[in-house]
Amino acid sequence: MTRTIIWCFICGLFPVAGMLAQKADTRPSKGGNGSLTEQKLQDPLQVDPRTINELCAVNARRSPGIKEFGPQSSLNAKRFWLVGLTNDKLIEWHVKAPAFGSYEVDFLINCKPGTQIKLAGATGNVVFTATEQGWQRAKAKSPFSLPGGESVVRLSVVNAKDTIDIKSVELINLAEKKSLEKRIQAFKGDAEWMKDAGYGIMTQVGGWAYPSKGDKKPWPGFAENFDVKAFVDKMRDMGASYIVWSATWSDYLFPAPIKAIEEVLPARVSKRDLIGELIKECRKYNIRVMLYYHLGHDHKEVLLAKGWKDSPHEEYRSRQVWLEREMKIFTEMGNRYGTGLDAIFLDDGCVWYPADFEKLGAALKAGNPKRLICYNPWIGPNITPFQDFYCGEGFDGQQTKYKISDGTITEGPQKGLQLFGNFIFDGPDWGINKPGVTIQPPNNWTTDKLVAMTQRLQKERYSVAINLLVYEDGTIGEQSYQLLKEAAIKLKRGKWAVK
């Protein structure tokens, strides 16, 4: 009885403390046109003070009428961001934190300078004013506090004249920030070779590829018959200091006996280790190897085999099963090829986000901690500091449109990443995945332009990969081959280097 009386007396004296002791209201808010939609993927979203917490906009509760860019691909795997958020609408996340904490806030948004965004929570608000134009990864000046337990984080646009597209809000616990920064720094690979590489050659040839005439070979015919020695010899002729080889692309057909893939997709691997042979042949001539990886989201059966649920609405548990499967693949692949595999280019960052990128990155760097990795963000901001370089899709290196220092981007949405680019040299596409394709001549390129580009790349210390169309048997467009060979001779690269 005494304890009850004392407790009531304390609550009476300190009503604020009494209110804070109550559980926060986590019910969905009323949006401009009614109740908000349900939260997707994880509800409540579990906050981890030790890492980067990604409050993904497409998974948030949101006002009716807010549109999403995408989704695209099988099972809606490609999910990008929300578009056209105005001040009469809002989005919010139901979260659960283990304890009270102050958090640094990053906004992954597309807006104009002067746009104001309010982030509101149970224990405080933050108002952010944008200073940049377009897509950005922008940091709030003030910290944002989260109570322990369940609460709601609510985002809205302050002014009626402003509109934003939003990918995410990221929260970093200030008490853990220094530890996180140390882990990020320790994670980084060795980009020196990429800074000095000039240009490399990229191809998207694989089990999906067609010959110049007729039908393609049934899988695994491509992997079993491809002439690695002849292909690498052509790369040397054209002065490639590295090769970007597409392990997968428009179809998930992996040209190596990776057991982690074979366990779930036995018909989509080959007995021959084509990638291993390519690495071995390239090493003879000091040519580095980067693997391009497409997770197979265009094929429903591939996603289902890797753990996705047969539904347009992704589930948290099935997503974790998929990510664990991918990490098993990367770990086996990385350990298999070791220091012979210099980099991995993961396409479609929109599918990988959100994730524990520190854990995912550790799998990608298995067997070689110096290995470089990137996730393609397309036109959006970079999706994690746990990567090494910006993929630069479509960037041809003729003009340096990024602010850089020693090859590293110093401003903008890709800040902190090594600059890299890749572009279609001949076309009409990145690869040949249908019959009857004629490889076009290089688009507006000359030997002199290639020479000038390479000299500037080496001076500014970044690299681009020149994507060439390649037929199933390894045949390259003759005009592309001759032009690059002439440039390599002038530059004394590859086979023409001074010994």
Protein backbone atom coordinates (compact mmCIF):
# COMPACT_ATOMS: atom_id res chain seq x y z
CA MET A 1 0.00 0.00 0.00
CA THR A 2 2.77 2.43 0.93
CA ARG A 3 4.55 1.89 -2.37
CA THR A 4 1.33 2.59 -4.30
CA ILE A 5 0.73 5.84 -2.43
CA ILE A 6 4.30 7.01 -2.98
CA TRP A 7 4.12 6.19 -6.70
CA CYS A 8 0.89 8.15 -7.13
CA PHE A 9 2.39 11.07 -5.22
CA ILE A 10 5.47 11.11 -7.46
CA CYS A 11 3.32 11.00 -10.60
CA GLY A 12 1.28 13.86 -9.27
CA LEU A 13 4.36 15.98 -8.61
CA PHE A 14 6.00 15.11 -11.93
CA PRO A 15 3.32 14.72 -14.59
CA VAL A 16 5.87 15.00 -17.41
CA ALA A 17 7.79 11.99 -16.11
CA GLY A 18 4.50 10.15 -15.84
CA MET A 19 3.69 10.84 -19.47
CA LEU A 20 7.14 9.75 -20.65
CA ALA A 21 6.68 6.47 -18.84
CA GLN A 22 3.62 5.75 -20.98
CA LYS A 23 3.98 3.76 -24.20
CA ALA A 24 4.23 5.97 -27.28
CA ASP A 25 1.22 6.05 -29.60
CA THR A 26 2.29 3.98 -32.63
CA ARG A 27 -1.05 3.92 -34.40
CA PRO A 28 -0.98 5.07 -38.05
CA SER A 29 -1.57 8.79 -38.47
CA LYS A 30 -4.35 10.35 -40.47
CA GLY A 31 -2.97 11.48 -43.82
CA GLY A 32 -4.34 14.24 -46.02
CA ASN A 33 -6.91 11.90 -47.58
CA GLY A 34 -7.47 9.44 -44.74
CA SER A 35 -5.54 6.77 -42.89
CA LEU A 36 -2.06 5.82 -44.03
CA THR A 37 -1.19 2.60 -45.80
CA GLU A 38 0.28 -0.31 -43.87
CA GLN A 39 4.01 -0.52 -43.23
CA LYS A 40 5.80 -3.10 -45.38
CA LEU A 41 8.64 -5.57 -44.86
CA GLN A 42 9.18 -5.16 -41.09
CA ASP A 43 6.71 -3.72 -38.57
CA PRO A 44 8.00 -2.43 -36.25
CA LEU A 45 11.31 -1.70 -37.94
CA GLN A 46 14.04 -2.81 -35.53
CA VAL A 47 16.58 -0.07 -34.79
CA ASP A 48 20.16 -1.25 -34.22
CA PRO A 49 22.34 1.42 -32.54
CA ARG A 50 25.54 -0.25 -33.81
CA THR A 51 24.91 0.24 -37.51
CA ILE A 52 23.19 2.35 -40.19
CA ASN A 53 19.41 2.15 -39.87
CA GLU A 54 17.72 2.43 -43.25
CA LEU A 55 14.16 3.75 -43.10
CA CYS A 56 13.22 2.88 -46.66
CA ALA A 57 10.51 5.15 -48.06
CA VAL A 58 8.76 2.55 -50.22
CA ASN A 59 8.17 0.45 -47.09
CA ALA A 60 6.80 3.31 -44.97
CA ARG A 61 3.22 4.00 -44.00
CA ARG A 62 2.09 6.70 -46.39
CA SER A 63 -0.79 8.97 -47.32
CA PRO A 64 -3.03 7.69 -50.10
CA GLY A 65 -2.02 9.08 -53.48
CA ILE A 66 1.76 9.06 -52.97
CA LYS A 67 3.20 7.25 -55.96
CA GLU A 68 6.18 4.94 -56.20
CA PHE A 69 8.71 4.93 -59.03
CA GLY A 70 8.49 1.32 -60.13
CA PRO A 71 8.28 -1.36 -58.93
CA GLN A 72 9.79 -3.28 -61.82
CA SER A 73 10.91 -6.84 -62.65
CA SER A 74 9.58 -10.17 -61.45
CA LEU A 75 7.91 -10.13 -58.00
CA ASN A 76 8.36 -6.32 -57.98
CA ALA A 77 12.00 -6.85 -57.01
CA LYS A 78 13.18 -3.45 -58.27
CA ARG A 79 11.81 -0.83 -55.90
CA PHE A 80 13.27 2.64 -56.20
CA TRP A 81 11.67 5.54 -54.29
CA LEU A 82 8.52 7.56 -53.65
CA VAL A 83 7.78 10.45 -56.01
CA GLY A 84 6.02 13.78 -55.65
CA LEU A 85 5.69 14.03 -51.87
CA THR A 86 4.00 17.36 -51.06
CA ASN A 87 3.17 19.08 -47.77
CA ASP A 88 -0.42 17.83 -47.70
CA LYS A 89 0.83 14.25 -47.40
CA LEU A 90 3.21 12.40 -45.09
CA ILE A 91 5.08 9.16 -44.59
CA GLU A 92 6.04 7.48 -41.33
CA TRP A 93 7.78 4.45 -39.88
CA HIS A 94 6.80 2.44 -36.84
CA VAL A 95 10.15 1.66 -35.17
CA LYS A 96 11.45 -0.10 -32.09
CA ALA A 97 14.72 0.90 -30.42
CA PRO A 98 16.43 -0.95 -27.53
CA ALA A 99 17.05 2.28 -25.60
CA PHE A 100 16.93 6.05 -25.89
CA GLY A 101 19.51 7.46 -28.29
CA SER A 102 20.53 10.48 -30.35
CA TYR A 103 20.93 9.83 -34.06
CA GLU A 104 22.59 11.56 -36.99
CA VAL A 105 20.17 11.85 -39.92
CA ASP A 106 20.88 11.41 -43.63
CA PHE A 107 18.17 12.15 -46.19
CA LEU A 108 18.36 10.33 -49.55
CA ILE A 109 16.20 12.73 -51.52
CA ASN A 110 15.63 14.52 -54.81
CA CYS A 111 14.65 18.17 -54.38
CA LYS A 112 15.62 21.78 -55.02
CA PRO A 113 17.65 24.12 -52.77
CA GLY A 114 15.61 25.67 -49.98
CA THR A 115 13.23 22.73 -49.63
CA GLN A 116 12.44 22.08 -45.97
CA ILE A 117 11.69 18.64 -44.56
CA LYS A 118 10.46 17.91 -41.04
CA LEU A 119 11.28 14.68 -39.24
CA ALA A 120 9.12 14.30 -36.13
CA GLY A 121 9.36 11.77 -33.33
CA ALA A 122 8.13 11.09 -29.82
CA THR A 123 11.03 12.93 -28.18
CA GLY A 124 11.94 15.65 -30.67
CA ASN A 125 11.87 17.05 -34.19
CA VAL A 126 14.43 17.94 -36.85
CA VAL A 127 13.86 20.43 -39.67
CA PHE A 128 16.25 20.05 -42.59
CA THR A 129 16.80 22.67 -45.32
CA ALA A 130 18.27 21.42 -48.60
CA THR A 131 21.17 23.32 -50.17
CA GLU A 132 21.65 21.20 -53.29
CA GLN A 133 19.74 20.51 -56.50
CA GLY A 134 18.63 17.03 -57.54
CA TRP A 135 19.39 13.69 -55.95
CA GLN A 136 21.48 14.01 -52.83
CA ARG A 137 22.61 12.29 -49.67
CA ALA A 138 22.16 15.20 -47.27
CA LYS A 139 22.88 15.38 -43.57
CA ALA A 140 20.70 17.19 -41.02
CA LYS A 141 22.53 19.73 -38.86
CA SER A 142 20.79 18.63 -35.67
CA PRO A 143 20.55 15.14 -34.16
CA PHE A 144 17.27 13.27 -33.92
CA SER A 145 16.32 11.46 -30.72
CA LEU A 146 14.52 8.14 -30.45
CA PRO A 147 13.00 6.79 -27.23
CA GLY A 148 13.49 3.23 -26.11
CA GLY A 149 10.70 0.90 -27.17
CA GLU A 150 8.18 1.50 -29.93
CA SER A 151 7.57 4.90 -31.49
CA VAL A 152 6.76 6.60 -34.78
CA VAL A 153 9.12 8.59 -37.00
CA ARG A 154 7.12 10.90 -39.24
CA LEU A 155 8.34 12.81 -42.32
CA SER A 156 6.62 15.70 -44.06
CA VAL A 157 7.42 18.56 -46.42
CA VAL A 158 7.15 21.93 -44.65
CA ASN A 159 6.20 24.34 -47.44
CA ALA A 160 3.26 24.06 -49.83
CA LYS A 161 5.41 25.06 -52.83
CA ASP A 162 7.91 22.22 -52.39
CA THR A 163 7.89 18.64 -53.71
CA ILE A 164 10.39 15.86 -53.07
CA ASP A 165 11.21 12.35 -54.20
CA ILE A 166 12.54 10.25 -51.35
CA LYS A 167 14.42 6.97 -51.18
CA SER A 168 15.23 6.76 -47.51
CA VAL A 169 16.05 8.30 -44.17
CA GLU A 170 19.13 6.84 -42.48
CA LEU A 171 19.84 7.03 -38.76
CA ILE A 172 23.27 6.60 -37.15
CA ASN A 173 23.56 6.47 -33.36
CA LEU A 174 25.96 9.24 -32.31
CA ALA A 175 27.40 7.15 -29.49
CA GLU A 176 28.43 4.51 -32.04
CA LYS A 177 29.47 6.83 -34.88
CA LYS A 178 33.24 6.71 -34.30
CA SER A 179 33.21 2.93 -34.12
CA LEU A 180 31.17 2.76 -37.32
CA GLU A 181 33.52 5.15 -39.14
CA LYS A 182 36.53 3.03 -38.15
CA ARG A 183 34.84 -0.08 -39.54
CA ILE A 184 34.00 1.71 -42.78
CA GLN A 185 37.60 2.83 -43.20
CA ALA A 186 38.92 -0.66 -42.46
CA PHE A 187 36.45 -2.09 -44.98
CA LYS A 188 37.78 -0.13 -47.96
CA GLY A 189 39.69 -2.04 -50.64
CA ASP A 190 42.79 -0.98 -52.57
CA ALA A 191 41.76 1.31 -55.44
CA GLU A 192 45.29 2.19 -56.60
CA TRP A 193 45.12 -0.12 -59.61
CA MET A 194 41.80 1.39 -60.70
CA LYS A 195 43.15 4.93 -60.38
CA ASP A 196 46.01 4.11 -62.76
CA ALA A 197 44.18 1.74 -65.11
CA GLY A 198 43.10 4.17 -67.82
CA TYR A 199 40.44 2.05 -69.50
CA GLY A 200 39.25 -1.53 -69.36
CA ILE A 201 36.95 -3.58 -71.58
CA MET A 202 33.49 -4.67 -70.44
CA THR A 203 31.40 -7.38 -72.10
CA GLN A 204 27.96 -8.75 -71.34
CA VAL A 205 28.40 -12.06 -73.12
CA GLY A 206 27.21 -15.31 -71.56
CA GLY A 207 24.78 -18.18 -71.88
CA TRP A 208 22.15 -15.74 -73.14
CA ALA A 209 24.33 -14.59 -76.08
CA TYR A 210 23.56 -15.28 -79.75
CA PRO A 211 25.87 -15.75 -82.72
CA SER A 212 25.82 -13.33 -85.65
CA LYS A 213 23.45 -15.73 -87.44
CA GLY A 214 21.18 -18.49 -86.23
CA ASP A 215 20.22 -19.73 -82.79
CA LYS A 216 22.34 -19.87 -79.65
CA LYS A 217 23.69 -23.04 -78.06
CA PRO A 218 21.65 -24.69 -75.32
CA TRP A 219 23.11 -24.00 -71.88
CA PRO A 220 25.81 -24.77 -70.80
CA GLY A 221 27.13 -24.80 -74.37
CA PHE A 222 28.47 -21.27 -74.14
CA ALA A 223 30.44 -21.95 -70.96
CA GLU A 224 31.84 -25.25 -72.18
CA ASN A 225 32.98 -23.98 -75.59
CA PHE A 226 34.08 -20.36 -75.13
CA ASP A 227 37.71 -19.79 -76.22
CA VAL A 228 39.30 -17.96 -73.28
CA LYS A 229 42.80 -17.69 -74.78
CA ALA A 230 41.57 -16.11 -78.01
CA PHE A 231 39.35 -13.69 -76.10
CA VAL A 232 42.13 -12.52 -73.76
CA ASP A 233 44.46 -12.10 -76.74
CA LYS A 234 41.95 -9.67 -78.28
CA MET A 235 41.77 -7.80 -74.97
CA ARG A 236 45.55 -7.40 -75.09
CA ASP A 237 45.35 -6.13 -78.67
CA MET A 238 42.89 -3.46 -77.55
CA GLY A 239 44.97 -2.36 -74.56
CA ALA A 240 42.61 -3.47 -71.78
CA SER A 241 44.24 -3.15 -68.37
CA TYR A 242 41.28 -5.01 -66.88
CA ILE A 243 38.20 -6.92 -68.02
CA VAL A 244 34.67 -6.53 -66.67
CA TRP A 245 33.19 -9.99 -67.21
CA SER A 246 29.44 -10.49 -66.76
CA ALA A 247 28.97 -13.62 -64.65
CA THR A 248 25.22 -13.15 -65.18
CA TRP A 249 23.10 -10.58 -67.01
CA SER A 250 19.83 -10.96 -68.90
CA ASP A 251 19.70 -14.55 -67.68
CA TYR A 252 21.08 -16.09 -64.50
CA LEU A 253 23.48 -18.61 -66.08
CA PHE A 254 26.67 -18.78 -64.03
CA PRO A 255 29.72 -20.09 -65.96
CA ALA A 256 31.36 -21.91 -63.04
CA PRO A 257 30.52 -24.82 -60.68
CA ILE A 258 29.51 -22.70 -57.69
CA LYS A 259 27.94 -25.14 -55.20
CA ALA A 260 25.90 -22.45 -53.42
CA ILE A 261 24.10 -21.79 -56.71
CA GLU A 262 23.92 -25.46 -57.70
CA GLU A 263 22.13 -26.29 -54.44
CA VAL A 264 19.09 -24.25 -55.50
CA LEU A 265 19.55 -23.80 -59.27
CA PRO A 266 21.38 -26.91 -60.50
CA ALA A 267 20.64 -26.28 -64.18
CA ARG A 268 22.10 -22.76 -64.10
CA VAL A 269 25.78 -23.50 -63.46
CA SER A 270 28.44 -25.10 -65.65
CA LYS A 271 30.94 -27.87 -64.90
CA ARG A 272 33.69 -25.86 -66.53
CA ASP A 273 35.06 -22.99 -64.45
CA LEU A 274 35.15 -20.43 -67.24
CA ILE A 275 35.68 -17.56 -64.80
CA GLY A 276 38.61 -19.34 -63.16
CA GLU A 277 40.23 -19.97 -66.54
CA LEU A 278 39.68 -16.34 -67.53
CA ILE A 279 41.37 -15.13 -64.34
CA LYS A 280 44.29 -17.51 -64.86
CA GLU A 281 44.82 -16.38 -68.47
CA CYS A 282 44.52 -12.69 -67.55
CA ARG A 283 47.10 -13.06 -64.79
CA LYS A 284 49.71 -14.10 -67.36
CA TYR A 285 49.50 -10.58 -68.81
CA ASN A 286 48.79 -8.57 -65.64
CA ILE A 287 45.19 -7.95 -66.72
CA ARG A 288 42.86 -7.54 -63.75
CA VAL A 289 39.35 -9.01 -63.57
CA MET A 290 36.12 -7.43 -62.33
CA LEU A 291 32.91 -9.46 -62.23
CA TYR A 292 29.57 -7.88 -63.08
CA TYR A 293 26.71 -9.58 -61.19
CA HIS A 294 22.98 -9.48 -61.94
CA LEU A 295 20.96 -11.29 -59.26
CA GLY A 296 18.43 -12.69 -61.76
CA HIS A 297 15.41 -10.61 -60.80
CA ASP A 298 13.99 -10.85 -64.34
CA HIS A 299 13.30 -14.56 -63.78
CA LYS A 300 10.68 -15.53 -61.22
CA GLU A 301 11.99 -19.08 -60.86
CA VAL A 302 15.44 -17.73 -59.93
CA LEU A 303 14.04 -15.48 -57.20
CA LEU A 304 11.84 -18.24 -55.79
CA ALA A 305 14.76 -20.67 -55.69
CA LYS A 306 16.82 -18.12 -53.77
CA GLY A 307 14.14 -17.62 -51.14
CA TRP A 308 11.74 -14.95 -52.37
CA LYS A 309 8.04 -15.42 -51.66
CA ASP A 310 5.67 -15.83 -54.63
CA SER A 311 3.98 -12.49 -53.96
CA PRO A 312 4.23 -8.89 -55.19
CA HIS A 313 4.65 -7.90 -51.52
CA GLU A 314 8.05 -8.76 -50.12
CA GLU A 315 8.32 -10.26 -46.63
CA TYR A 316 11.12 -9.61 -44.16
CA ARG A 317 11.80 -13.30 -43.48
CA SER A 318 11.97 -14.29 -47.15
CA ARG A 319 14.21 -11.31 -47.88
CA GLN A 320 16.65 -12.45 -45.21
CA VAL A 321 16.66 -15.97 -46.69
CA TRP A 322 17.50 -14.48 -50.09
CA LEU A 323 20.27 -12.27 -48.71
CA GLU A 324 21.79 -15.21 -46.82
CA ARG A 325 21.77 -17.23 -50.05
CA GLU A 326 23.50 -14.44 -51.95
CA MET A 327 26.12 -14.10 -49.20
CA LYS A 328 26.76 -17.83 -49.38
CA ILE A 329 27.29 -17.49 -53.14
CA PHE A 330 29.62 -14.51 -52.74
CA THR A 331 31.63 -16.16 -49.98
CA GLU A 332 32.21 -19.31 -52.03
CA MET A 333 32.97 -17.31 -55.15
CA GLY A 334 35.34 -14.95 -53.34
CA ASN A 335 37.27 -17.73 -51.64
CA ARG A 336 37.45 -19.70 -54.88
CA TYR A 337 39.04 -16.88 -56.87
CA GLY A 338 40.89 -15.10 -54.06
CA THR A 339 43.25 -12.34 -55.12
CA GLY A 340 42.58 -13.15 -58.78
CA LEU A 341 39.21 -11.43 -58.48
CA ASP A 342 39.91 -7.71 -58.14
CA ALA A 343 36.40 -6.21 -58.09
CA ILE A 344 32.68 -7.01 -58.14
CA PHE A 345 30.08 -4.74 -59.75
CA LEU A 346 26.58 -5.43 -58.41
CA ASP A 347 23.83 -4.09 -60.62
CA ASP A 348 20.46 -2.83 -59.43
CA GLY A 349 21.25 -1.35 -56.05
CA CYS A 350 17.51 -0.72 -55.69
CA VAL A 351 16.98 -4.46 -55.12
CA TRP A 352 19.79 -4.80 -52.58
CA TYR A 353 18.58 -1.81 -50.53
CA PRO A 354 17.83 -2.02 -47.60
CA ALA A 355 20.36 -4.52 -46.22
CA ASP A 356 23.14 -5.03 -43.70
CA PHE A 357 25.76 -3.82 -46.17
CA GLU A 358 28.62 -4.36 -43.73
CA LYS A 359 27.77 -8.06 -43.53
CA LEU A 360 27.02 -8.31 -47.25
CA GLY A 361 30.26 -6.54 -48.09
CA ALA A 362 32.27 -8.95 -45.94
CA ALA A 363 30.91 -11.82 -48.05
CA LEU A 364 31.75 -9.97 -51.27
CA LYS A 365 35.35 -9.49 -50.07
CA ALA A 366 35.87 -13.09 -48.96
CA GLY A 367 39.28 -14.31 -50.07
CA ASN A 368 40.55 -10.82 -50.87
CA PRO A 369 40.02 -7.88 -48.46
CA LYS A 370 41.56 -5.55 -51.06
CA ARG A 371 38.78 -6.37 -53.53
CA LEU A 372 36.68 -3.40 -54.67
CA ILE A 373 32.89 -3.52 -54.74
CA CYS A 374 30.05 -1.26 -55.86
CA TYR A 375 26.26 -1.24 -56.00
CA ASN A 376 24.72 0.50 -58.99
CA PRO A 377 22.43 3.30 -57.70
CA TRP A 378 21.40 4.33 -61.25
CA ILE A 379 20.53 8.06 -61.00
CA GLY A 380 20.06 8.04 -57.23
CA PRO A 381 22.53 8.66 -54.39
CA ASN A 382 24.99 6.00 -53.28
CA ILE A 383 23.28 3.46 -51.07
CA THR A 384 26.02 2.65 -48.56
CA PRO A 385 29.50 3.69 -47.41
CA PHE A 386 30.36 -0.02 -47.29
CA GLN A 387 31.49 0.03 -50.92
CA ASP A 388 34.52 1.33 -52.80
CA PHE A 389 33.63 2.88 -56.13
CA TYR A 390 30.79 4.53 -58.02
CA CYS A 391 29.63 2.38 -60.93
CA GLY A 392 28.99 5.37 -63.23
CA GLU A 393 26.50 3.71 -65.60
CA GLY A 394 26.60 5.57 -68.94
CA PHE A 395 29.58 7.78 -68.00
CA ASP A 396 32.10 7.67 -70.88
CA GLY A 397 34.94 9.72 -69.43
CA GLN A 398 35.14 12.20 -72.32
CA GLN A 399 34.48 15.02 -69.85
CA THR A 400 34.97 14.84 -66.09
CA LYS A 401 31.60 16.02 -64.77
CA TYR A 402 32.32 15.13 -61.15
CA LYS A 403 34.36 17.07 -58.60
CA ILE A 404 37.22 14.78 -57.66
CA SER A 405 40.53 14.70 -55.83
CA ASP A 406 42.98 11.95 -56.77
CA GLY A 407 40.12 10.10 -58.44
CA THR A 408 37.81 10.21 -55.41
CA ILE A 409 34.49 12.07 -55.66
CA THR A 410 34.49 14.98 -53.20
CA GLU A 411 30.98 16.45 -53.63
CA GLY A 412 27.48 15.33 -54.47
CA PRO A 413 25.45 12.14 -53.97
CA GLN A 414 28.44 9.84 -54.66
CA LYS A 415 30.84 11.65 -52.32
CA GLY A 416 33.64 9.52 -50.91
CA LEU A 417 33.64 6.89 -53.67
CA GLN A 418 36.32 6.23 -56.27
CA LEU A 419 35.08 7.48 -59.65
CA PHE A 420 34.45 4.85 -62.31
CA GLY A 421 32.38 4.72 -65.48
CA ASN A 422 31.05 2.26 -68.02
CA PHE A 423 29.34 2.96 -71.31
CA ILE A 424 28.13 1.43 -74.58
CA PHE A 425 30.85 1.84 -77.22
CA ASP A 426 29.11 0.29 -80.21
CA GLY A 427 25.70 -1.17 -79.37
CA PRO A 428 22.74 -1.12 -79.90
CA ASP A 429 22.64 -2.57 -76.36
CA TRP A 430 24.95 -3.73 -73.58
CA GLY A 431 24.81 -7.35 -74.75
CA ILE A 432 23.35 -9.60 -77.46
CA ASN A 433 20.42 -11.52 -75.99
CA LYS A 434 18.30 -11.96 -79.10
CA PRO A 435 18.93 -13.29 -82.63
CA GLY A 436 19.72 -11.17 -85.68
CA VAL A 437 21.72 -8.41 -83.96
CA THR A 438 24.27 -6.52 -86.06
CA ILE A 439 27.03 -4.84 -84.07
CA GLN A 440 27.07 -1.14 -84.88
CA PRO A 441 30.20 0.96 -85.51
CA PRO A 442 31.52 2.91 -82.50
CA ASN A 443 29.31 5.89 -81.75
CA ASN A 444 31.19 9.15 -82.38
CA TRP A 445 34.61 7.83 -81.35
CA THR A 446 37.98 8.24 -83.03
CA THR A 447 41.47 7.06 -82.20
CA ASP A 448 42.44 10.57 -81.13
CA LYS A 449 39.43 10.82 -78.80
CA LEU A 450 40.35 7.52 -77.17
CA VAL A 451 43.95 8.64 -76.71
CA ALA A 452 42.91 12.00 -75.21
CA MET A 453 40.39 10.31 -72.90
CA THR A 454 42.96 7.81 -71.63
CA GLN A 455 45.56 10.47 -70.96
CA ARG A 456 43.06 12.52 -68.95
CA LEU A 457 41.88 9.44 -67.02
CA GLN A 458 45.42 8.65 -65.97
CA LYS A 459 46.07 12.26 -65.01
CA GLU A 460 42.89 12.57 -62.94
CA ARG A 461 43.22 9.01 -61.60
CA TYR A 462 39.96 7.30 -62.43
CA SER A 463 38.91 4.70 -64.97
CA VAL A 464 36.13 3.79 -67.39
CA ALA A 465 35.16 0.42 -68.84
CA ILE A 466 34.38 0.41 -72.57
CA ASN A 467 31.45 -1.95 -73.16
CA LEU A 468 31.70 -3.93 -76.40
CA LEU A 469 29.08 -6.15 -77.95
CA VAL A 470 30.36 -9.72 -78.26
CA TYR A 471 28.76 -12.61 -80.12
CA GLU A 472 28.39 -16.04 -78.53
CA ASP A 473 31.69 -17.30 -79.98
CA GLY A 474 33.66 -14.28 -78.72
CA THR A 475 33.59 -12.34 -81.98
CA ILE A 476 33.89 -8.56 -81.53
CA GLY A 477 32.73 -5.85 -83.93
CA GLU A 478 35.59 -5.33 -86.40
CA GLN A 479 35.39 -1.54 -86.39
CA SER A 480 35.43 -1.41 -82.58
CA TYR A 481 38.36 -3.80 -82.48
CA GLN A 482 40.43 -1.86 -85.01
CA LEU A 483 39.75 1.52 -83.38
CA LEU A 484 40.74 0.32 -79.92
CA LYS A 485 43.77 -1.50 -81.28
CA GLU A 486 44.99 1.68 -83.00
CA ALA A 487 44.53 3.64 -79.76
CA ALA A 488 46.38 0.96 -77.78
CA ILE A 489 49.31 1.08 -80.21
CA LYS A 490 49.53 4.88 -79.89
CA LEU A 491 49.29 4.68 -76.11
CA LYS A 492 51.66 1.69 -75.91
CA ARG A 493 49.16 -0.32 -73.89
CA GLY A 494 48.51 -4.04 -73.61
CA LYS A 495 50.35 -6.07 -76.22
CA TRP A 496 52.01 -2.88 -77.44
CA ALA A 497 53.50 -1.80 -74.11
CA VAL A 498 57.22 -1.03 -74.07
CA LYS A 499 59.10 -3.90 -72.41
